Amino acid sequence: MKLYEFRSLNMPILTSEAAKSLLKAKEEGGRSLSLTFNLGLSKALVELLDDGVVIEDHTVSYEELKWALKDEDAIYILEPPGRLRKAVLYTEGKLYKLKKVAEDKAPTLEVNGVNMHRVEGVTPWDDAYMKVEVTSIKKGMKILDICTGLGYTAIISLRKGASEVWTIEKDVNVLRMAEANPWSKGLENQQIRTMLGDAAKAVVEFEDEAFDAIIHDPPTISQATGLYSVDFYRELYRVLKKGGALNHYTGLPGSRTRGMDIVQGVSRRLKMVGFTVKVSKELMSVVAVKE
């Protein structure tokens, strides 16, 4: 079992909207402006000089700010000595991008052009909150969070009262992107233990009835077949306490892969290992209970 030491970059974040506001303020003769540099978590007063903007002791030129206008969906990291870098990573044939949802909202992660969160009609943070709510997390519970992503469900689980959260992520590059995201900083909490590895192998190491609730938010079945298998579900049943809930994200009900109905297949296999199941169209999930 390999634990990952999560370390937030703790660097200011800019978006095209922030750059636009700063440039407009300069044109209008402004000398200061209050803006968010962590996607809405707080605001800071910045000074507008003749040659640039002072943000947390770094001077960013107006030419640099103009460059940030080119990609409206991008998130830019402010690095010393005042340069902006897109929050993107290209490695092993994959392009990872922190993608803005709104100026003051938690972002999503895009991998090869595919969003890793729901963004239509709901923000990624609110979607994660609903996933946590349906598992009825209460004070003192021990939670298993499968497929960490940007860590929203793990962080919210802790805020809802969980005493301990074990979260598993297979892709180290996803965690590196999370380290640049201000909304993921809560993963630094010692009560959250981030495991790096294949969830199908990691879950075998836990004791029987080790967790009070499980949140399972896997990639599509074509990308992670093992996380939809009977054998894996049997392990989830084993490590979940009696009366505990499993929230399994499936995507839109009726969606199909190779002609198979994903929701029906998940429901059938969860029932095979002993769960009582209910489909939640609102959450695009199957909620399973170990009775």
Protein backbone atom coordinates (compact mmCIF):
# COMPACT_ATOMS: atom_id res chain seq x y z
CA MET A 1 0.00 0.00 0.00
CA LYS A 2 1.73 3.18 -1.20
CA LEU A 3 0.73 6.47 0.39
CA TYR A 4 1.09 9.72 -1.55
CA GLU A 5 2.24 12.84 0.31
CA PHE A 6 0.01 15.55 -1.08
CA ARG A 7 1.62 19.00 -1.17
CA SER A 8 -0.34 21.98 -2.44
CA LEU A 9 1.64 24.42 -4.59
CA ASN A 10 0.06 27.36 -2.72
CA MET A 11 0.54 29.71 -5.66
CA PRO A 12 -1.84 32.46 -6.82
CA ILE A 13 -4.26 31.47 -9.57
CA LEU A 14 -5.47 33.76 -12.35
CA THR A 15 -8.14 33.33 -15.01
CA SER A 16 -8.85 35.25 -18.19
CA GLU A 17 -11.61 37.09 -16.31
CA ALA A 18 -9.17 38.29 -13.66
CA ALA A 19 -6.70 39.39 -16.34
CA LYS A 20 -9.48 41.26 -18.14
CA SER A 21 -10.54 43.04 -14.94
CA LEU A 22 -6.98 44.09 -14.16
CA LEU A 23 -6.35 45.42 -17.68
CA LYS A 24 -9.64 47.31 -17.64
CA ALA A 25 -8.85 48.86 -14.26
CA LYS A 26 -5.47 50.01 -15.60
CA GLU A 27 -7.08 51.60 -18.67
CA GLU A 28 -9.50 53.47 -16.42
CA GLY A 29 -6.67 54.82 -14.28
CA GLY A 30 -7.24 52.60 -11.28
CA ARG A 31 -4.49 52.12 -8.72
CA SER A 32 -5.83 49.07 -6.86
CA LEU A 33 -8.40 46.31 -7.24
CA SER A 34 -9.83 43.55 -5.05
CA LEU A 35 -9.88 40.18 -6.81
CA THR A 36 -9.78 36.47 -6.09
CA PHE A 37 -6.56 34.64 -6.83
CA ASN A 38 -7.72 31.24 -5.58
CA LEU A 39 -10.96 30.77 -7.56
CA GLY A 40 -13.28 32.43 -5.08
CA LEU A 41 -12.00 31.07 -1.77
CA SER A 42 -10.87 34.56 -0.73
CA LYS A 43 -10.09 38.01 -2.14
CA ALA A 44 -6.96 40.13 -2.06
CA LEU A 45 -6.24 43.79 -2.78
CA VAL A 46 -3.65 44.24 -5.53
CA GLU A 47 -1.71 47.33 -6.55
CA LEU A 48 -1.67 48.52 -10.16
CA LEU A 49 1.70 50.06 -11.09
CA ASP A 50 2.85 51.62 -14.34
CA ASP A 51 4.73 48.48 -15.40
CA GLY A 52 2.51 45.76 -13.95
CA VAL A 53 0.33 44.42 -11.16
CA VAL A 54 1.69 43.41 -7.76
CA ILE A 55 0.16 40.09 -6.65
CA GLU A 56 1.57 38.56 -3.46
CA ASP A 57 4.94 40.31 -3.88
CA HIS A 58 5.23 39.32 -7.55
CA THR A 59 4.93 41.91 -10.33
CA VAL A 60 3.05 40.63 -13.37
CA SER A 61 3.46 42.70 -16.53
CA TYR A 62 0.44 43.88 -18.49
CA GLU A 63 1.76 42.01 -21.54
CA GLU A 64 1.70 38.82 -19.48
CA LEU A 65 -1.90 39.54 -18.51
CA LYS A 66 -2.84 40.04 -22.17
CA TRP A 67 -1.47 36.57 -22.91
CA ALA A 68 -3.88 35.14 -20.33
CA LEU A 69 -6.81 36.43 -22.39
CA LYS A 70 -6.19 33.89 -25.13
CA ASP A 71 -7.74 30.88 -23.38
CA GLU A 72 -10.99 31.63 -21.54
CA ASP A 73 -11.22 28.15 -20.02
CA ALA A 74 -7.66 28.00 -18.74
CA ILE A 75 -6.35 28.47 -15.23
CA TYR A 76 -3.00 30.22 -14.90
CA ILE A 77 -0.49 29.67 -12.10
CA LEU A 78 1.54 32.70 -11.02
CA GLU A 79 5.16 31.64 -10.61
CA PRO A 80 8.19 33.69 -9.50
CA PRO A 81 9.33 36.17 -10.66
CA GLY A 82 5.91 37.08 -12.05
CA ARG A 83 5.30 34.71 -14.96
CA LEU A 84 2.02 33.01 -15.75
CA ARG A 85 1.92 29.32 -16.60
CA LYS A 86 -1.13 27.38 -17.76
CA ALA A 87 -2.20 24.69 -15.34
CA VAL A 88 -1.64 21.94 -17.89
CA LEU A 89 0.52 18.85 -18.06
CA TYR A 90 1.33 16.79 -21.12
CA THR A 91 2.86 13.42 -20.40
CA GLU A 92 2.61 9.82 -21.60
CA GLY A 93 0.35 10.83 -24.48
CA LYS A 94 -2.20 12.55 -22.24
CA LEU A 95 -3.03 16.23 -21.84
CA TYR A 96 -4.20 17.20 -18.35
CA LYS A 97 -5.79 20.62 -17.87
CA LEU A 98 -7.35 22.37 -14.91
CA LYS A 99 -10.39 23.93 -16.53
CA LYS A 100 -12.26 26.95 -15.23
CA VAL A 101 -15.96 26.48 -14.49
CA ALA A 102 -16.44 30.01 -13.15
CA GLU A 103 -14.27 32.73 -11.66
CA ASP A 104 -15.33 31.77 -8.13
CA LYS A 105 -16.04 28.05 -8.39
CA ALA A 106 -14.07 24.83 -8.02
CA PRO A 107 -12.62 23.81 -11.40
CA THR A 108 -12.85 20.54 -13.24
CA LEU A 109 -10.01 18.42 -14.58
CA GLU A 110 -9.94 17.76 -18.30
CA VAL A 111 -7.97 14.79 -19.64
CA ASN A 112 -7.54 14.62 -23.41
CA GLY A 113 -10.51 16.95 -23.79
CA VAL A 114 -12.86 14.98 -21.53
CA ASN A 115 -14.16 16.56 -18.31
CA MET A 116 -13.67 14.43 -15.22
CA HIS A 117 -16.64 16.10 -13.46
CA ARG A 118 -20.21 16.99 -14.24
CA VAL A 119 -20.34 20.64 -15.34
CA GLU A 120 -23.75 20.97 -16.98
CA GLY A 121 -26.35 22.32 -14.59
CA VAL A 122 -24.13 21.68 -11.55
CA THR A 123 -20.64 22.66 -10.42
CA PRO A 124 -18.03 19.96 -9.70
CA TRP A 125 -18.03 20.90 -6.01
CA ASP A 126 -21.82 20.75 -5.67
CA ASP A 127 -21.89 17.43 -7.51
CA ALA A 128 -19.31 16.04 -5.09
CA TYR A 129 -21.33 17.38 -2.16
CA MET A 130 -24.43 15.51 -3.35
CA LYS A 131 -22.42 12.28 -3.71
CA VAL A 132 -21.29 12.64 -0.11
CA GLU A 133 -24.79 13.50 1.12
CA VAL A 134 -26.38 10.37 -0.32
CA THR A 135 -23.99 8.16 1.66
CA SER A 136 -25.27 9.73 4.91
CA ILE A 137 -21.81 10.48 6.31
CA LYS A 138 -21.89 11.31 10.01
CA LYS A 139 -19.43 12.33 12.68
CA GLY A 140 -16.75 9.76 13.38
CA MET A 141 -17.25 7.66 10.25
CA LYS A 142 -14.39 6.05 8.32
CA ILE A 143 -14.81 6.56 4.57
CA LEU A 144 -13.36 4.91 1.48
CA ASP A 145 -13.18 7.26 -1.53
CA ILE A 146 -12.27 5.50 -4.77
CA CYS A 147 -10.72 7.53 -7.62
CA THR A 148 -9.53 10.67 -5.83
CA GLY A 149 -9.45 12.99 -8.82
CA LEU A 150 -9.20 16.56 -7.48
CA GLY A 151 -10.17 15.31 -4.03
CA TYR A 152 -13.53 17.04 -3.66
CA THR A 153 -15.46 14.07 -2.24
CA ALA A 154 -12.67 13.23 0.21
CA ILE A 155 -12.48 16.83 1.46
CA ILE A 156 -16.26 17.21 1.76
CA SER A 157 -16.51 13.86 3.57
CA LEU A 158 -14.13 15.19 6.20
CA ARG A 159 -16.09 18.42 6.51
CA LYS A 160 -19.27 16.40 7.00
CA GLY A 161 -17.77 14.79 10.07
CA ALA A 162 -15.77 11.78 8.89
CA SER A 163 -12.89 11.06 11.25
CA GLU A 164 -10.80 9.31 8.59
CA VAL A 165 -10.88 9.15 4.79
CA TRP A 166 -8.89 6.72 2.68
CA THR A 167 -8.82 7.85 -0.95
CA ILE A 168 -7.30 5.94 -3.87
CA GLU A 169 -5.98 7.39 -7.15
CA LYS A 170 -4.21 5.40 -9.86
CA ASP A 171 -2.88 8.31 -11.93
CA VAL A 172 -0.12 10.31 -10.23
CA ASN A 173 -0.54 13.07 -12.82
CA VAL A 174 -4.10 13.66 -11.61
CA LEU A 175 -2.74 14.25 -8.10
CA ARG A 176 -0.10 16.62 -9.47
CA MET A 177 -2.83 18.65 -11.12
CA ALA A 178 -4.75 18.66 -7.84
CA GLU A 179 -1.71 20.13 -6.11
CA ALA A 180 -2.06 23.22 -8.30
CA ASN A 181 -5.77 23.60 -7.48
CA PRO A 182 -6.65 25.79 -4.47
CA TRP A 183 -9.90 23.85 -3.93
CA SER A 184 -7.88 20.63 -3.47
CA LYS A 185 -5.71 21.97 -0.65
CA GLY A 186 -7.81 20.10 1.91
CA LEU A 187 -6.13 16.87 0.79
CA GLU A 188 -3.15 17.94 2.93
CA ASN A 189 -5.17 17.08 6.04
CA GLN A 190 -3.64 14.21 8.02
CA GLN A 191 -7.08 12.63 8.40
CA ILE A 192 -7.11 12.06 4.63
CA ARG A 193 -4.80 9.28 3.51
CA THR A 194 -4.16 9.29 -0.21
CA MET A 195 -3.14 5.99 -1.74
CA LEU A 196 -1.42 5.84 -5.13
CA GLY A 197 -2.29 2.69 -7.02
CA ASP A 198 -4.93 0.48 -8.60
CA ALA A 199 -8.05 0.49 -6.43
CA ALA A 200 -8.85 -3.11 -7.43
CA LYS A 201 -5.58 -4.21 -5.83
CA ALA A 202 -5.53 -1.73 -2.94
CA VAL A 203 -8.97 -2.58 -1.57
CA VAL A 204 -7.92 -6.20 -1.00
CA GLU A 205 -5.55 -5.00 1.73
CA PHE A 206 -8.31 -3.60 3.94
CA GLU A 207 -9.89 -5.62 6.74
CA ASP A 208 -13.49 -6.84 6.70
CA GLU A 209 -16.03 -4.10 7.49
CA ALA A 210 -13.31 -1.45 7.69
CA PHE A 211 -15.48 1.40 6.35
CA ASP A 212 -18.79 3.01 7.26
CA ALA A 213 -19.43 4.29 3.71
CA ILE A 214 -17.87 4.15 0.24
CA ILE A 215 -17.89 6.67 -2.60
CA HIS A 216 -16.93 5.13 -5.95
CA ASP A 217 -16.44 7.58 -8.84
CA PRO A 218 -14.65 5.57 -11.54
CA PRO A 219 -13.77 6.47 -15.13
CA THR A 220 -15.93 4.95 -17.86
CA ILE A 221 -16.20 1.18 -17.98
CA SER A 222 -14.15 1.11 -21.19
CA GLN A 223 -11.28 2.84 -19.33
CA ALA A 224 -11.49 0.90 -16.07
CA THR A 225 -13.26 -2.41 -16.60
CA GLY A 226 -11.91 -3.86 -13.35
CA LEU A 227 -13.66 -1.20 -11.26
CA TYR A 228 -17.03 -2.45 -12.56
CA SER A 229 -16.41 -6.17 -12.05
CA VAL A 230 -18.18 -8.64 -9.77
CA ASP A 231 -14.87 -9.44 -8.05
CA PHE A 232 -14.29 -5.77 -7.23
CA TYR A 233 -17.85 -5.28 -6.00
CA ARG A 234 -17.43 -8.34 -3.80
CA GLU A 235 -14.42 -6.68 -2.17
CA LEU A 236 -16.38 -3.45 -1.64
CA TYR A 237 -19.15 -5.46 0.03
CA ARG A 238 -16.58 -7.15 2.27
CA VAL A 239 -14.89 -3.95 3.49
CA LEU A 240 -18.19 -2.08 4.06
CA LYS A 241 -19.89 -2.30 7.44
CA LYS A 242 -23.39 -3.69 7.70
CA GLY A 243 -25.89 -0.89 7.08
CA GLY A 244 -23.30 1.14 5.19
CA ALA A 245 -23.96 2.80 1.84
CA LEU A 246 -22.00 2.72 -1.42
CA ASN A 247 -22.54 5.54 -3.91
CA HIS A 248 -21.40 4.32 -7.35
CA TYR A 249 -21.28 6.96 -10.09
CA THR A 250 -22.31 5.48 -13.44
CA GLY A 251 -23.09 8.39 -15.74
CA LEU A 252 -26.37 9.13 -17.44
CA PRO A 253 -29.00 6.35 -17.04
CA GLY A 254 -29.55 4.62 -20.37
CA SER A 255 -25.98 5.25 -21.52
CA ARG A 256 -24.42 2.31 -23.29
CA THR A 257 -20.97 0.94 -23.99
CA ARG A 258 -20.64 -1.74 -26.67
CA GLY A 259 -24.42 -2.08 -26.58
CA MET A 260 -24.54 -2.68 -22.82
CA ASP A 261 -26.71 -0.59 -20.48
CA ILE A 262 -24.17 0.59 -17.89
CA VAL A 263 -26.62 1.29 -15.05
CA GLN A 264 -28.46 -2.01 -15.44
CA GLY A 265 -25.17 -3.91 -15.55
CA VAL A 266 -23.82 -2.20 -12.44
CA SER A 267 -27.10 -2.76 -10.57
CA ARG A 268 -27.22 -6.43 -11.51
CA ARG A 269 -23.64 -7.13 -10.44
CA LEU A 270 -24.02 -5.23 -7.14
CA LYS A 271 -27.11 -7.32 -6.35
CA MET A 272 -25.16 -10.49 -7.17
CA VAL A 273 -22.70 -9.81 -4.34
CA GLY A 274 -25.43 -8.97 -1.80
CA PHE A 275 -26.19 -5.26 -2.06
CA THR A 276 -29.66 -3.73 -2.13
CA VAL A 277 -29.60 -1.13 -4.90
CA LYS A 278 -31.47 1.97 -5.99
CA VAL A 279 -30.80 4.10 -9.09
CA SER A 280 -30.49 7.86 -8.56
CA LYS A 281 -31.12 9.66 -11.84
CA GLU A 282 -30.30 13.03 -10.28
CA LEU A 283 -26.84 11.90 -9.20
CA MET A 284 -26.36 9.57 -12.19
CA SER A 285 -25.45 6.94 -9.61
CA VAL A 286 -26.43 3.58 -8.22
CA VAL A 287 -26.78 3.76 -4.44
CA ALA A 288 -26.16 0.37 -2.82
CA VAL A 289 -26.68 -0.63 0.82
CA LYS A 290 -25.22 -3.57 2.69
CA GLU A 291 -28.15 -4.79 4.79
